[in-house]
């Protein structure tokens, strides 16, 4: 058994803390970027779902060609219809705006 066991050296403590700091310095920005990508994908998924529902509603003749907007979880979704150039077809677009006030996600689909 060791007789001279007085605990950790200061050098060992500093080395282990610096190793933990370097690991955190590498992984924290990756986690922040991953979270931002997740939020962006959630907005895009919701915009696609709204676009699909609007197109399905128009195919079933339950909605009109009118623009509307609503807020969900702090994100403002705007649904608007526009005419396609050179044809009589319509297109529905959904844009998602966060706190910045500019469209972050915009998805469009044609009514065929």
Protein backbone atom coordinates (compact mmCIF):
# COMPACT_ATOMS: atom_id res chain seq x y z
CA UNK A 1 0.00 0.00 0.00
CA UNK A 2 1.18 3.50 -0.70
CA UNK A 3 2.31 5.36 2.36
CA UNK A 4 2.83 8.76 0.76
CA UNK A 5 -0.64 9.37 -0.69
CA UNK A 6 -1.39 13.05 -0.02
CA UNK A 7 -3.94 13.55 -2.82
CA UNK A 8 -3.63 15.16 -6.23
CA UNK A 9 -0.80 17.33 -7.38
CA UNK A 10 -1.64 20.83 -8.52
CA UNK A 11 -0.19 19.99 -11.92
CA UNK A 12 -2.55 17.03 -12.33
CA UNK A 13 -5.52 19.22 -11.44
CA UNK A 14 -4.50 21.91 -13.94
CA UNK A 15 -3.96 19.35 -16.70
CA UNK A 16 -7.35 17.72 -16.16
CA UNK A 17 -9.12 21.11 -16.06
CA UNK A 18 -7.39 22.27 -19.23
CA UNK A 19 -8.35 19.02 -20.98
CA UNK A 20 -12.00 19.50 -19.97
CA UNK A 21 -11.86 23.12 -21.14
CA UNK A 22 -10.51 22.10 -24.56
CA UNK A 23 -13.21 19.46 -24.94
CA UNK A 24 -15.91 22.00 -24.07
CA UNK A 25 -14.33 24.57 -26.36
CA UNK A 26 -14.69 22.12 -29.24
CA UNK A 27 -18.18 20.71 -28.56
CA UNK A 28 -20.20 23.74 -27.39
CA UNK A 29 -20.16 25.54 -30.80
CA UNK A 30 -21.15 22.28 -32.49
CA UNK A 31 -24.12 21.89 -30.14
CA UNK A 32 -25.22 25.49 -30.72
CA UNK A 33 -25.04 25.03 -34.50
CA UNK A 34 -26.95 21.75 -34.26
CA UNK A 35 -29.72 23.46 -32.28
CA UNK A 36 -30.02 26.27 -34.86
CA UNK A 37 -30.27 23.73 -37.67
CA UNK A 38 -32.97 21.86 -35.74
CA UNK A 39 -35.02 25.03 -35.33
CA UNK A 40 -34.67 25.80 -39.04
CA UNK A 41 -35.82 22.29 -39.98
CA UNK A 42 -38.82 22.58 -37.66
CA UNK A 43 -39.84 25.85 -39.35
CA UNK A 44 -39.40 24.31 -42.79
CA UNK A 45 -41.45 21.26 -41.83
CA UNK A 46 -44.28 23.41 -40.48
CA UNK A 47 -44.24 25.58 -43.64
CA UNK A 48 -44.43 22.49 -45.87
CA UNK A 49 -47.30 21.10 -43.79
CA UNK A 50 -49.24 24.36 -44.06
CA UNK A 51 -48.64 24.50 -47.80
CA UNK A 52 -49.85 20.92 -48.19
CA UNK A 53 -52.98 21.57 -46.12
CA UNK A 54 -53.78 24.70 -48.12
CA UNK A 55 -53.39 22.84 -51.42
CA UNK A 56 -55.51 19.94 -50.16
CA UNK A 57 -58.17 22.36 -48.98
CA UNK A 58 -58.29 24.07 -52.35
CA UNK A 59 -58.51 20.76 -54.19
CA UNK A 60 -61.50 19.88 -51.98
CA UNK A 61 -62.96 23.39 -52.56
CA UNK A 62 -63.04 24.24 -48.86
CA UNK A 63 -60.72 27.28 -48.94
CA UNK A 64 -60.66 30.46 -51.00
CA UNK A 65 -57.75 32.22 -52.66
CA UNK A 66 -57.09 34.55 -49.74
CA UNK A 67 -53.98 35.57 -47.93
CA UNK A 68 -53.75 34.91 -44.23
CA UNK A 69 -51.23 34.91 -41.44
CA UNK A 70 -51.05 33.50 -37.96
CA UNK A 71 -48.56 33.03 -35.16
CA UNK A 72 -47.49 29.77 -33.57
CA UNK A 73 -44.73 29.42 -30.94
CA UNK A 74 -43.43 32.92 -31.65
CA UNK A 75 -43.15 32.31 -35.41
CA UNK A 76 -45.41 34.17 -37.83
CA UNK A 77 -46.53 32.12 -40.83
CA UNK A 78 -47.92 33.98 -43.85
CA UNK A 79 -49.91 32.08 -46.48
CA UNK A 80 -50.43 33.86 -49.78
CA UNK A 81 -51.57 32.92 -53.26
CA UNK A 82 -50.06 34.23 -56.48
CA UNK A 83 -50.64 33.73 -60.20
CA UNK A 84 -48.04 31.89 -62.24
CA UNK A 85 -46.69 33.81 -65.21
CA UNK A 86 -47.92 32.67 -68.59
CA UNK A 87 -50.66 30.39 -67.32
CA UNK A 88 -53.91 30.42 -65.40
CA UNK A 89 -52.51 28.27 -62.59
CA UNK A 90 -52.17 29.46 -59.02
CA UNK A 91 -49.35 28.92 -56.59
CA UNK A 92 -49.50 28.98 -52.80
CA UNK A 93 -46.50 30.19 -50.79
CA UNK A 94 -45.88 29.93 -47.07
CA UNK A 95 -43.23 32.07 -45.40
CA UNK A 96 -42.09 31.73 -41.81
CA UNK A 97 -40.76 34.79 -40.00
CA UNK A 98 -39.09 34.72 -36.62
CA UNK A 99 -38.04 37.59 -34.42
CA UNK A 100 -35.99 39.24 -37.16
CA UNK A 101 -39.06 40.22 -39.20
CA UNK A 102 -37.72 38.88 -42.49
CA UNK A 103 -38.74 35.58 -44.08
CA UNK A 104 -36.45 32.82 -42.85
CA UNK A 105 -38.20 29.98 -44.69
CA UNK A 106 -40.34 30.25 -47.82
CA UNK A 107 -41.97 27.26 -49.51
CA UNK A 108 -44.17 27.41 -52.61
CA UNK A 109 -46.32 24.80 -54.34
CA UNK A 110 -48.40 24.81 -57.51
CA UNK A 111 -52.09 24.05 -57.66
CA UNK A 112 -52.52 21.62 -60.54
